[in-house]
Structures are given as C-alpha cells and as structure tokens.
Amino acid sequence: MVTYKKKEVGTFLGNKVLLKLIIFVLFANHGALPSFITSYMEEHQLDPHATSIVIDSHLDTLTKVIDEETWLPTTDIGEETNFESDIPKLKTGGIQVPFLAAYTPGFYDNTARSLSHTLAMINALYWIEENNPTDLQITSTTDEIFEALGEGKIAAVPSIEGAYSIDGNNAIELLKQYHDLGITTIGFTWNYSNALGEGAHRVLGDQMKTPSSGGLTELGKEVALEMNRLGMLIDVSHMAESTFWDVLEVSKAPVIATHSGIDALHNHARNLTDEQLLALADHGGVVAIVFYPTFLTDTGNATISDVVDHIDYAVDLIGVDHVAIGSDFDGATLPSDLQDASEMGKLTEELMSRGYSTMDMKKILGLNTLRIMHDVQQMGEIVESEGMIEIIPTYKMGEQISERTPLLKAELKGEIPQEDDLAVVLDGVAYPATFAEEDSTMYFQVEEELKEQFHVVTFVADSERKTRIFYVK
C-alpha cells in the first residue's frame, strides 16, 4: 500500500491532477479519505470541486454542433458559443469528463437514416477533437481519461442516446463498429420504442404515436449481452419500466441511468421508482441525477436545491456509492440558478452546505461514474490485438466523397493473413474482402448506391480492425 508523510501532503495536494489520480486509485472502491488529507484540505480551504474529477454523464451539445440539413459539423465548441456547454464553459465549471451523446429520436422505420444521423454526431466529436488538440481528447477507458487529465485536457467520452440505428440486420457488427469509434455507453431507446425495446413514452415513433407494449425484445437481449462482452455501459434512462427490469435480468454487468430523476419526488415516466433504484444499486449500478426541471418538480420550475433534493433522496435510499450527476446540458431547460456548464461549481456548494463529506462529494461528482465504467470494462471479454498487422484505410475520419458506389480500400502492412480472414464491414453488415498482392491492399466494391449521407466502414484483418466514418456528398 502507498503511504505518505504529512509533510508531503501539501506537495501532492497542490497538483490537482495528481490528487485526482491518487484519490481514485486508492480510495474510489467505496473507501474514505485518510484524516490527514481531509484535515489538510480543510486547513488550507482547498476547494473540493476544483480537486475532484467532475464527470457529467449526459450532454446533448453535439446536436447543436451539426448543420440541420447536411449534418456536417459547423460550430466549433472550442470557442465561446451560445450553447449551454462548450470547452470554455466546461473549463470554467470544472467539468473535466463530459459524456457527449450522439442523440437521435429515431426516424420511424428508417434504420439507415437513424444510423446516418448518429454517425453525424460521432463524426462531429472527432472534428472537435481535431480542431482542439490541446484542449480535448476523445477517451473511452479510465486509463485514457487519466492520460487526458494528466495533459490538462478535457476527456470527452462518446455515448449514444437512442439506438434507432440498430436492427436485426446490423446489430452485432454495428456494436463492434461503435466500440471501435470509442462509444462507451448506449441508451437503447429515447422516448419512443424501437427494435430493442419499449421507450419511456410507450409509443412508436410514427406520426400517430401508436401505443407499444412489451419490454426488452429478443434482439435487445442479444444487444445487451454483446455490450457486456464489449465492456460497454447500458444506459437505462429513457426506458419503459418493463424494459428496465428486463435489462437488469439479462445484463451480467452493472448499468447506469445517465440522466434521470427520482419518481418519489416527482412522478414522471422518465424518473426511477424506489424499487428501480434499489435494484439498480443491488446490481452495482449508478443513477446520475438530471438537471431538467420537468423531471424534478411538480411546477416545472427548479433550482439547484431541487437537484440536490433528488441527490439526497437517492443517497438516503441506495447509498452514496450509487449516485452521480447527468445534467442534460443542451438537451433541456435548466434550473434558474444554474444556466450553463460554467456554473457547475454551484452544485458542489449546495452539497457542502448540506453537510456532505469531501469523499462523498467526490464520489457524486465523478468517482462513482469512473468506478462503474471501470467495472463494466473489466468484465468485458475484448482481447487486445497483437499489432502484427497495420491497416491504413484510404479514407480519413469524416472524409467527404462524391461516389455513391465507392471502392472501400485499405493498405496492409506486416504479417498479411489469409484472404478468408479479411472482411469489410459497412454500416454493420460484413462482406468478404479481396486482397491485391501487387499493392498489399484489401478492398470491397460497393454495388448498391449509398442513399444516406454518413456511413461507417471497418477493415478487418484477422484480429486487427480499423474503422472510419465517411460522408457522401
């Protein structure tokens, strides 16, 4: 066990990043801070918000980054915007780890269109990273988060809200492609029901909003188990209660509600009942409390105090180890006294005023989300590739092309496998690839015209994979 002398405390407490890493590594597993550390923090009045890893498990900012018609990224959040969240606001508010959601409400009976829209927002995140290399890094594991924080960068975690891009034809291969792209968390439904299960509003996404029934579908069960295998978090926010219970029965890993409220405080289809909260915690899961006033109060108006009322209730019911925060910035209205991400520190002030300990605040602000992320990924069965083959796709991430029947091509270097071990996956459908010895390339010729704008291609050579999003003009 690592120990520190009291005279050394000031040195590492003065290094915020080092402090965050030490706290997580030593104490995140339901532990408590040693008294000499808490005493030092109190004596020197160190801000618990500034010395925490602050994680927000749900932001919808990517929906505002893309153009409404082309879905191409147009607004760089590296600069000040009129959004509720951008890089300057995240820095001011001390939010180092935002879960940036690729949200789609679903284009009813049009999986390809929903896929294109989802990919558009994932592509936008890569575009943001490319434009802001010193300020933001896409991260998908706790190790990558620590790496980014150590370099003073925002650790952006990609997630999906509404899996309307997934159906029986593409499910498993598309999940692998999402995993390749760094997606850590997927919410099966938004409010509308789909091929995976019933959504919170218990209706289909057609114009008539036809009532639906049932919980998790057979395909939904397959997807849940594959996500377990891939080490991806299942998000139970926006699910119908029947779907929630089915997921908990099927999933071998803990699950997260990335932005939900407490039903006992305000009855709403998007909130979790006491029974759900207890089961979630018993399963090792986490509920992240949302900031949306509609989910918090009967009046539809709210303050930070109302947010912390929901936190208090969850902590009292299921314990502090299972509670986190998921604001819904850029996807909802906000409390009157917390209008954007720059004001996140006010939440910590309210927690302090209610007597939360330093460690309990750190857990709510981020450690609990880190813990479940780490636990779920540790339970996954993905084996790292040996790196014996290098795959160099022709397309760069997000590249725009004019061909609607493109030749999908990648150069191979290293130990070239048999042609039977080569494949090209396009939009979740796998095809055999052809190998050309003269230039060491693998390729697949698309024959049917691509109708949508955004597509995802993966080149598979034995256990090695390379995935790219591309845009058809």
Protein backbone atom coordinates (compact mmCIF):
# COMPACT_ATOMS: atom_id res chain seq x y z
CA MET A 1 0.00 0.00 0.00
CA VAL A 2 1.27 3.51 -0.82
CA THR A 3 1.67 5.80 2.20
CA TYR A 4 2.54 9.48 2.51
CA LYS A 5 4.11 11.51 5.31
CA LYS A 6 2.17 14.55 6.46
CA LYS A 7 4.85 16.99 5.24
CA GLU A 8 4.41 15.58 1.72
CA VAL A 9 0.67 16.15 1.65
CA GLY A 10 0.88 19.78 0.56
CA THR A 11 3.05 18.87 -2.41
CA PHE A 12 0.67 16.41 -4.00
CA LEU A 13 -2.46 18.29 -2.94
CA GLY A 14 -1.11 21.28 -4.84
CA ASN A 15 -1.08 19.19 -8.01
CA LYS A 16 -4.75 18.82 -8.88
CA VAL A 17 -4.27 16.11 -11.47
CA LEU A 18 -2.03 14.03 -9.22
CA LEU A 19 -4.50 14.42 -6.39
CA LYS A 20 -7.33 13.18 -8.58
CA LEU A 21 -5.37 10.12 -9.67
CA ILE A 22 -4.30 9.26 -6.12
CA ILE A 23 -7.83 9.60 -4.79
CA PHE A 24 -9.25 7.38 -7.50
CA VAL A 25 -6.59 4.68 -7.34
CA LEU A 26 -6.50 4.45 -3.55
CA PHE A 27 -9.99 5.29 -2.37
CA ALA A 28 -12.58 5.02 -5.18
CA ASN A 29 -13.55 1.49 -4.24
CA HIS A 30 -16.02 2.57 -1.54
CA GLY A 31 -13.23 3.93 0.67
CA ALA A 32 -12.70 7.03 2.76
CA LEU A 33 -10.02 9.71 2.64
CA PRO A 34 -7.39 9.45 5.39
CA SER A 35 -7.94 12.03 8.11
CA PHE A 36 -4.61 13.77 7.48
CA ILE A 37 -5.71 14.54 3.90
CA THR A 38 -9.14 15.85 4.85
CA SER A 39 -7.59 17.89 7.68
CA TYR A 40 -5.10 19.45 5.28
CA MET A 41 -7.86 20.30 2.80
CA GLU A 42 -9.96 21.94 5.49
CA GLU A 43 -6.99 23.80 6.96
CA HIS A 44 -5.96 25.23 3.61
CA GLN A 45 -9.56 25.63 2.41
CA LEU A 46 -8.95 23.60 -0.73
CA ASP A 47 -11.99 23.64 -2.98
CA PRO A 48 -13.49 20.11 -3.16
CA HIS A 49 -14.89 20.93 -6.60
CA ALA A 50 -11.54 22.03 -8.01
CA THR A 51 -9.80 18.95 -6.56
CA SER A 52 -12.36 16.45 -7.83
CA ILE A 53 -12.72 14.61 -11.11
CA VAL A 54 -16.02 16.11 -12.21
CA ILE A 55 -17.94 13.89 -14.63
CA ASP A 56 -21.21 14.80 -16.32
CA SER A 57 -22.70 11.63 -17.79
CA HIS A 58 -25.03 13.29 -20.30
CA LEU A 59 -24.65 16.35 -22.54
CA ASP A 60 -26.50 16.90 -25.83
CA THR A 61 -24.12 19.55 -27.17
CA LEU A 62 -23.29 17.59 -30.33
CA THR A 63 -26.86 18.11 -31.57
CA LYS A 64 -26.09 21.82 -31.80
CA VAL A 65 -22.71 21.39 -33.48
CA ILE A 66 -24.05 19.89 -36.72
CA ASP A 67 -25.90 21.66 -39.55
CA GLU A 68 -29.64 20.95 -39.56
CA GLU A 69 -29.69 19.90 -43.22
CA THR A 70 -26.28 18.48 -44.15
CA TRP A 71 -25.49 17.18 -40.64
CA LEU A 72 -21.90 18.27 -41.20
CA PRO A 73 -20.17 19.87 -38.18
CA THR A 74 -20.29 23.64 -38.39
CA THR A 75 -19.89 25.12 -34.87
CA ASP A 76 -16.60 24.57 -33.07
CA ILE A 77 -17.19 24.44 -29.33
CA GLY A 78 -13.53 25.26 -28.75
CA GLU A 79 -14.66 28.86 -28.67
CA GLU A 80 -17.39 30.63 -26.72
CA THR A 81 -20.86 29.82 -28.07
CA ASN A 82 -24.44 30.48 -27.02
CA PHE A 83 -24.73 26.80 -26.09
CA GLU A 84 -25.14 25.63 -22.50
CA SER A 85 -21.85 23.77 -22.89
CA ASP A 86 -18.65 24.40 -24.81
CA ILE A 87 -14.97 23.97 -23.99
CA PRO A 88 -14.57 27.38 -22.27
CA LYS A 89 -17.70 26.76 -20.16
CA LEU A 90 -16.60 23.23 -19.28
CA LYS A 91 -13.24 24.57 -18.10
CA THR A 92 -14.82 27.34 -16.05
CA GLY A 93 -17.27 24.89 -14.47
CA GLY A 94 -14.54 22.33 -13.77
CA ILE A 95 -16.23 19.58 -15.81
CA GLN A 96 -13.24 17.55 -16.97
CA VAL A 97 -15.10 14.48 -18.23
CA PRO A 98 -18.28 15.18 -20.25
CA PHE A 99 -20.19 12.26 -21.78
CA LEU A 100 -21.11 13.75 -25.17
CA ALA A 101 -24.15 11.98 -26.59
CA ALA A 102 -24.88 11.18 -30.21
CA TYR A 103 -28.63 11.62 -29.90
CA THR A 104 -31.34 10.67 -32.36
CA PRO A 105 -35.08 10.45 -31.67
CA GLY A 106 -35.26 7.88 -34.46
CA PHE A 107 -36.57 8.20 -38.00
CA TYR A 108 -39.50 5.82 -37.82
CA ASP A 109 -38.98 2.65 -39.86
CA ASN A 110 -35.77 4.08 -41.33
CA THR A 111 -32.78 2.49 -39.64
CA ALA A 112 -30.36 3.76 -42.29
CA ARG A 113 -31.44 7.36 -41.72
CA SER A 114 -31.11 6.97 -37.96
CA LEU A 115 -27.64 5.48 -38.42
CA SER A 116 -26.58 8.41 -40.60
CA HIS A 117 -27.77 10.91 -38.01
CA THR A 118 -26.00 9.07 -35.18
CA LEU A 119 -22.76 8.88 -37.15
CA ALA A 120 -23.02 12.58 -37.97
CA MET A 121 -22.71 13.47 -34.30
CA ILE A 122 -19.93 10.97 -33.60
CA ASN A 123 -18.10 12.47 -36.58
CA ALA A 124 -18.69 15.95 -35.11
CA LEU A 125 -16.90 14.90 -31.92
CA TYR A 126 -13.86 13.75 -33.91
CA TRP A 127 -13.97 17.06 -35.78
CA ILE A 128 -14.00 18.95 -32.47
CA GLU A 129 -11.03 16.92 -31.24
CA GLU A 130 -9.09 17.65 -34.44
CA ASN A 131 -9.79 21.38 -34.09
CA ASN A 132 -8.84 21.49 -30.39
CA PRO A 133 -5.96 19.05 -29.93
CA THR A 134 -4.52 20.80 -26.86
CA ASP A 135 -7.87 21.17 -25.09
CA LEU A 136 -9.90 18.00 -25.72
CA GLN A 137 -9.22 14.31 -26.19
CA ILE A 138 -11.71 11.55 -27.01
CA THR A 139 -11.45 8.96 -24.24
CA SER A 140 -13.13 5.59 -23.84
CA THR A 141 -11.42 3.99 -20.85
CA THR A 142 -10.44 5.14 -17.37
CA ASP A 143 -6.77 4.89 -18.41
CA GLU A 144 -7.42 7.21 -21.34
CA ILE A 145 -9.31 9.60 -19.06
CA PHE A 146 -6.35 9.81 -16.68
CA GLU A 147 -4.00 10.31 -19.63
CA ALA A 148 -6.07 13.22 -20.92
CA LEU A 149 -6.41 14.79 -17.46
CA GLY A 150 -2.67 14.44 -16.92
CA GLU A 151 -2.15 16.53 -20.06
CA GLY A 152 -4.63 19.15 -18.91
CA LYS A 153 -7.23 18.19 -21.50
CA ILE A 154 -10.96 17.67 -21.27
CA ALA A 155 -11.62 13.92 -21.51
CA ALA A 156 -14.62 13.65 -23.84
CA VAL A 157 -16.45 10.33 -23.55
CA PRO A 158 -18.57 9.35 -26.61
CA SER A 159 -22.03 7.90 -25.96
CA ILE A 160 -25.26 7.19 -27.85
CA GLU A 161 -28.77 8.16 -26.82
CA GLY A 162 -31.40 6.24 -28.77
CA ALA A 163 -30.21 3.10 -30.59
CA TYR A 164 -32.59 3.51 -33.55
CA SER A 165 -29.67 2.72 -35.84
CA ILE A 166 -29.65 -0.89 -34.66
CA ASP A 167 -31.84 -3.63 -36.13
CA GLY A 168 -31.75 -7.36 -36.76
CA ASN A 169 -29.59 -6.96 -39.89
CA ASN A 170 -26.73 -4.98 -38.39
CA ALA A 171 -26.83 -5.26 -34.60
CA ILE A 172 -23.72 -7.19 -33.58
CA GLU A 173 -21.34 -5.88 -36.23
CA LEU A 174 -22.55 -2.30 -35.75
CA LEU A 175 -21.99 -2.58 -32.00
CA LYS A 176 -18.40 -3.58 -32.72
CA GLN A 177 -18.03 -0.57 -35.01
CA TYR A 178 -19.43 1.73 -32.33
CA HIS A 179 -16.95 0.21 -29.90
CA ASP A 180 -14.16 0.90 -32.39
CA LEU A 181 -15.26 4.54 -32.54
CA GLY A 182 -14.96 4.84 -28.78
CA ILE A 183 -18.63 4.66 -27.80
CA THR A 184 -18.73 3.66 -24.14
CA THR A 185 -22.44 3.97 -23.34
CA ILE A 186 -25.63 3.28 -25.30
CA GLY A 187 -29.18 4.09 -24.29
CA PHE A 188 -31.39 1.61 -26.11
CA THR A 189 -34.32 3.96 -26.52
CA TRP A 190 -35.12 7.63 -26.38
CA ASN A 191 -38.79 8.12 -25.54
CA TYR A 192 -40.01 6.04 -28.48
CA SER A 193 -40.00 2.25 -28.66
CA ASN A 194 -37.77 0.51 -31.19
CA ALA A 195 -36.31 -2.84 -32.25
CA LEU A 196 -34.54 -3.24 -28.90
CA GLY A 197 -37.34 -2.45 -26.52
CA GLU A 198 -40.05 -0.14 -25.27
CA GLY A 199 -39.26 3.51 -24.62
CA ALA A 200 -40.37 5.70 -21.73
CA HIS A 201 -43.42 7.07 -23.56
CA ARG A 202 -44.55 3.55 -24.57
CA VAL A 203 -45.34 4.59 -28.14
CA LEU A 204 -43.79 4.08 -31.55
CA GLY A 205 -42.15 6.95 -33.38
CA ASP A 206 -44.68 7.08 -36.20
CA GLN A 207 -46.89 10.11 -36.86
CA MET A 208 -49.79 8.56 -34.97
CA LYS A 209 -47.58 7.72 -31.97
CA THR A 210 -49.08 4.24 -31.94
CA PRO A 211 -49.08 2.67 -28.45
CA SER A 212 -46.49 -0.06 -27.91
CA SER A 213 -46.17 -2.88 -25.39
CA GLY A 214 -43.61 -5.28 -24.01
CA GLY A 215 -40.16 -4.69 -22.58
CA LEU A 216 -36.81 -5.79 -23.95
CA THR A 217 -37.07 -7.64 -27.28
CA GLU A 218 -35.08 -10.75 -28.17
CA LEU A 219 -32.79 -8.53 -30.24
CA GLY A 220 -32.48 -6.23 -27.25
CA LYS A 221 -31.32 -9.17 -25.14
CA GLU A 222 -28.67 -10.05 -27.75
CA VAL A 223 -27.50 -6.45 -27.82
CA ALA A 224 -27.30 -6.29 -24.01
CA LEU A 225 -25.14 -9.41 -23.83
CA GLU A 226 -22.89 -8.22 -26.67
CA MET A 227 -22.45 -4.89 -24.89
CA ASN A 228 -21.46 -6.85 -21.77
CA ARG A 229 -18.88 -8.70 -23.85
CA LEU A 230 -17.55 -5.47 -25.36
CA GLY A 231 -17.40 -3.75 -21.97
CA MET A 232 -19.93 -1.07 -22.93
CA LEU A 233 -22.29 0.52 -20.39
CA ILE A 234 -26.03 0.07 -20.86
CA ASP A 235 -27.92 3.31 -20.20
CA VAL A 236 -31.39 2.70 -18.72
CA SER A 237 -32.57 6.31 -18.84
CA HIS A 238 -35.49 6.77 -21.28
CA MET A 239 -36.55 3.11 -21.00
CA ALA A 240 -40.05 1.98 -20.14
CA GLU A 241 -40.09 0.37 -16.71
CA SER A 242 -40.72 -3.07 -18.25
CA THR A 243 -37.60 -2.66 -20.41
CA PHE A 244 -35.59 -1.57 -17.38
CA TRP A 245 -36.48 -4.73 -15.46
CA ASP A 246 -35.71 -6.95 -18.44
CA VAL A 247 -32.29 -5.31 -18.86
CA LEU A 248 -31.42 -5.90 -15.22
CA GLU A 249 -32.44 -9.54 -15.57
CA VAL A 250 -30.36 -10.06 -18.73
CA SER A 251 -27.26 -7.93 -18.16
CA LYS A 252 -24.33 -9.55 -16.41
CA ALA A 253 -22.77 -6.14 -15.79
CA PRO A 254 -23.93 -3.10 -13.79
CA VAL A 255 -25.96 -0.49 -15.66
CA ILE A 256 -26.17 3.29 -15.48
CA ALA A 257 -29.04 5.77 -15.70
CA THR A 258 -27.13 8.68 -17.24
CA HIS A 259 -29.76 11.40 -16.64
CA SER A 260 -32.80 10.52 -14.57
CA GLY A 261 -34.78 11.85 -11.61
CA ILE A 262 -36.49 10.35 -8.58
CA ASP A 263 -40.09 9.28 -9.09
CA ALA A 264 -40.94 9.58 -5.39
CA LEU A 265 -40.19 13.31 -5.54
CA HIS A 266 -41.89 13.92 -8.89
CA ASN A 267 -43.92 11.27 -10.68
CA HIS A 268 -42.76 11.15 -14.29
CA ALA A 269 -42.26 8.42 -16.89
CA ARG A 270 -38.57 9.39 -17.12
CA ASN A 271 -37.91 9.02 -13.40
CA LEU A 272 -36.97 5.91 -11.45
CA THR A 273 -39.11 4.41 -8.69
CA ASP A 274 -37.71 3.34 -5.34
CA GLU A 275 -37.89 -0.29 -6.46
CA GLN A 276 -35.89 0.51 -9.59
CA LEU A 277 -33.30 2.46 -7.64
CA LEU A 278 -32.83 -0.33 -5.11
CA ALA A 279 -32.47 -2.90 -7.88
CA LEU A 280 -30.05 -0.66 -9.78
CA ALA A 281 -27.83 -0.33 -6.72
CA ASP A 282 -28.09 -4.04 -5.89
CA HIS A 283 -26.86 -4.68 -9.43
CA GLY A 284 -23.86 -2.42 -8.79
CA GLY A 285 -25.23 0.40 -10.90
CA VAL A 286 -25.34 4.19 -10.72
CA VAL A 287 -28.09 6.78 -11.15
CA ALA A 288 -26.96 10.18 -12.42
CA ILE A 289 -29.38 12.91 -11.38
CA VAL A 290 -30.65 15.11 -14.21
CA PHE A 291 -31.00 18.93 -14.02
CA TYR A 292 -34.14 19.20 -16.18
CA PRO A 293 -36.84 20.96 -14.09
CA THR A 294 -39.63 18.97 -15.80
CA PHE A 295 -38.23 15.84 -14.15
CA LEU A 296 -37.55 17.47 -10.78
CA THR A 297 -40.64 19.32 -9.57
CA ASP A 298 -44.39 19.41 -9.94
CA THR A 299 -44.27 23.05 -11.05
CA GLY A 300 -41.80 22.57 -13.90
CA ASN A 301 -39.50 25.18 -12.34
CA ALA A 302 -36.40 24.26 -10.38
CA THR A 303 -33.28 25.47 -8.65
CA ILE A 304 -30.01 23.79 -7.71
CA SER A 305 -31.63 22.99 -4.39
CA ASP A 306 -34.19 20.82 -6.21
CA VAL A 307 -31.41 18.93 -7.99
CA VAL A 308 -29.72 18.20 -4.67
CA ASP A 309 -33.07 17.17 -3.16
CA HIS A 310 -33.08 14.34 -5.71
CA ILE A 311 -29.44 13.55 -4.90
CA ASP A 312 -30.26 13.50 -1.18
CA TYR A 313 -33.17 11.13 -1.70
CA ALA A 314 -31.12 8.71 -3.80
CA VAL A 315 -28.21 8.79 -1.33
CA ASP A 316 -30.53 8.10 1.61
CA LEU A 317 -32.23 5.23 -0.23
CA ILE A 318 -29.39 3.41 -2.01
CA GLY A 319 -26.16 4.88 -0.62
CA VAL A 320 -23.72 7.48 -1.86
CA ASP A 321 -21.73 4.94 -3.89
CA HIS A 322 -24.54 4.71 -6.45
CA VAL A 323 -25.32 8.38 -7.16
CA ALA A 324 -23.81 10.71 -9.77
CA ILE A 325 -24.71 13.68 -11.99
CA GLY A 326 -26.00 13.86 -15.58
CA SER A 327 -27.05 17.41 -16.40
CA ASP A 328 -28.64 17.12 -19.89
CA PHE A 329 -26.93 20.38 -20.91
CA ASP A 330 -28.07 21.50 -24.38
CA GLY A 331 -30.90 18.98 -24.28
CA ALA A 332 -33.23 20.59 -21.77
CA THR A 333 -34.11 23.74 -19.88
CA LEU A 334 -32.10 24.24 -16.70
CA PRO A 335 -32.57 25.33 -13.09
CA SER A 336 -32.99 29.08 -12.76
CA ASP A 337 -29.73 29.45 -10.83
CA LEU A 338 -27.60 27.09 -12.93
CA GLN A 339 -27.87 28.19 -16.54
CA ASP A 340 -24.87 26.53 -18.18
CA ALA A 341 -21.83 24.31 -17.61
CA SER A 342 -19.71 27.18 -16.31
CA GLU A 343 -21.82 27.24 -13.14
CA MET A 344 -21.38 23.60 -12.13
CA GLY A 345 -19.43 24.64 -9.04
CA LYS A 346 -22.70 25.88 -7.52
CA LEU A 347 -23.84 22.25 -7.26
CA THR A 348 -20.83 21.41 -5.10
CA GLU A 349 -21.51 24.46 -2.94
CA GLU A 350 -25.03 23.17 -2.32
CA LEU A 351 -23.69 19.71 -1.44
CA MET A 352 -21.24 21.31 1.01
CA SER A 353 -23.99 23.34 2.61
CA ARG A 354 -25.91 20.12 3.30
CA GLY A 355 -23.01 18.54 5.14
CA TYR A 356 -21.66 16.08 2.58
CA SER A 357 -18.15 14.88 3.37
CA THR A 358 -15.28 15.61 1.00
CA MET A 359 -15.13 12.00 -0.15
CA ASP A 360 -18.88 11.70 -0.64
CA MET A 361 -18.86 14.81 -2.81
CA LYS A 362 -16.03 13.38 -4.89
CA LYS A 363 -17.99 10.17 -5.38
CA ILE A 364 -21.11 12.01 -6.55
CA LEU A 365 -19.14 14.41 -8.74
CA GLY A 366 -17.29 11.70 -10.60
CA LEU A 367 -15.74 8.74 -8.82
CA ASN A 368 -18.91 6.65 -8.92
CA THR A 369 -19.16 7.05 -12.69
CA LEU A 370 -15.47 6.21 -13.08
CA ARG A 371 -15.95 3.14 -10.91
CA ILE A 372 -18.84 1.70 -12.90
CA MET A 373 -17.09 2.50 -16.17
CA HIS A 374 -14.00 0.64 -14.96
CA ASP A 375 -16.03 -2.29 -13.56
CA VAL A 376 -18.01 -2.83 -16.77
CA GLN A 377 -14.91 -2.64 -18.95
CA GLN A 378 -13.07 -5.08 -16.68
CA MET A 379 -15.94 -7.54 -17.13
CA GLY A 380 -15.67 -7.32 -20.91
CA GLU A 381 -14.03 -10.06 -22.94
CA ILE A 382 -12.26 -7.99 -25.58
CA VAL A 383 -8.66 -9.08 -26.10
CA GLU A 384 -6.16 -6.51 -27.31
CA SER A 385 -4.84 -7.22 -30.81
CA GLU A 386 -1.20 -8.26 -31.10
CA GLY A 387 -0.45 -5.46 -33.55
CA MET A 388 1.09 -7.78 -36.11
CA ILE A 389 -0.84 -6.07 -38.91
CA GLU A 390 -1.14 -2.37 -39.68
CA ILE A 391 -4.28 -1.29 -41.53
CA ILE A 392 -4.18 2.06 -43.35
CA PRO A 393 -7.63 2.99 -44.74
CA THR A 394 -7.84 5.20 -47.82
CA TYR A 395 -10.34 7.47 -46.11
CA LYS A 396 -9.55 9.72 -43.17
CA MET A 397 -12.10 10.07 -40.37
CA GLY A 398 -15.03 12.12 -41.65
CA GLU A 399 -13.73 12.37 -45.21
CA GLN A 400 -16.21 13.61 -47.80
CA ILE A 401 -16.50 11.65 -51.05
CA SER A 402 -18.65 12.01 -54.16
CA GLU A 403 -19.01 8.34 -55.14
CA ARG A 404 -22.24 6.60 -54.16
CA THR A 405 -20.76 3.21 -55.05
CA PRO A 406 -17.26 3.72 -53.60
CA LEU A 407 -14.34 1.32 -53.60
CA LEU A 408 -13.59 0.79 -49.90
CA LYS A 409 -9.87 0.20 -49.66
CA ALA A 410 -7.06 -0.09 -47.11
CA GLU A 411 -3.36 -0.85 -47.28
CA LEU A 412 -1.99 -3.70 -45.15
CA LYS A 413 1.48 -3.85 -43.63
CA GLY A 414 3.06 -6.63 -41.62
CA GLU A 415 2.03 -10.28 -41.49
CA ILE A 416 -0.73 -10.49 -44.11
CA PRO A 417 -3.40 -13.05 -43.15
CA GLN A 418 -5.23 -15.40 -45.49
CA GLU A 419 -7.90 -13.77 -47.64
CA ASP A 420 -10.54 -15.70 -45.69
CA ASP A 421 -9.51 -13.68 -42.64
CA LEU A 422 -10.17 -10.36 -44.37
CA ALA A 423 -13.52 -8.58 -44.26
CA VAL A 424 -15.03 -5.16 -44.78
CA VAL A 425 -17.95 -4.13 -42.56
CA LEU A 426 -20.18 -1.38 -43.96
CA ASP A 427 -22.91 0.06 -41.72
CA GLY A 428 -23.00 -3.07 -39.60
CA VAL A 429 -23.02 -5.60 -42.44
CA ALA A 430 -19.92 -7.72 -43.07
CA TYR A 431 -18.67 -8.54 -46.58
CA PRO A 432 -15.72 -10.67 -47.72
CA ALA A 433 -12.78 -8.54 -48.82
CA THR A 434 -10.49 -9.04 -51.80
CA PHE A 435 -6.71 -8.83 -51.40
CA ALA A 436 -4.48 -7.35 -54.10
CA GLU A 437 -0.89 -8.58 -53.69
CA GLU A 438 0.62 -6.01 -56.08
CA ASP A 439 -0.08 -3.12 -53.71
CA SER A 440 -0.89 -5.03 -50.48
CA THR A 441 -4.41 -3.67 -50.26
CA MET A 442 -7.73 -5.12 -49.20
CA TYR A 443 -10.87 -3.77 -50.77
CA PHE A 444 -14.61 -4.10 -51.26
CA GLN A 445 -16.56 -2.60 -54.13
CA VAL A 446 -19.95 -1.21 -53.07
CA GLU A 447 -22.50 -2.16 -55.73
CA GLU A 448 -25.77 -0.73 -54.44
CA GLU A 449 -25.85 3.07 -54.29
CA LEU A 450 -25.49 4.58 -50.83
CA LYS A 451 -28.53 6.78 -50.23
CA GLU A 452 -27.71 8.32 -46.86
CA GLN A 453 -25.06 10.90 -46.00
CA PHE A 454 -22.95 9.32 -43.25
CA HIS A 455 -21.60 5.77 -43.26
CA VAL A 456 -19.15 3.73 -41.20
CA VAL A 457 -16.65 1.24 -42.63
CA THR A 458 -14.38 -1.18 -40.81
CA PHE A 459 -11.47 -3.08 -42.32
CA VAL A 460 -10.89 -6.38 -40.53
CA ALA A 461 -7.65 -8.33 -40.94
CA ASP A 462 -7.57 -11.31 -38.60
CA SER A 463 -7.95 -9.69 -35.12
CA GLU A 464 -6.94 -6.20 -36.24
CA ARG A 465 -9.60 -3.57 -37.03
CA LYS A 466 -9.65 -0.01 -38.36
CA THR A 467 -12.91 1.97 -38.51
CA ARG A 468 -13.71 5.21 -40.30
CA ILE A 469 -16.78 7.40 -40.76
CA PHE A 470 -17.20 8.90 -44.23
CA TYR A 471 -19.66 11.34 -45.79
CA VAL A 472 -21.27 11.00 -49.22
CA LYS A 473 -21.93 14.42 -50.74
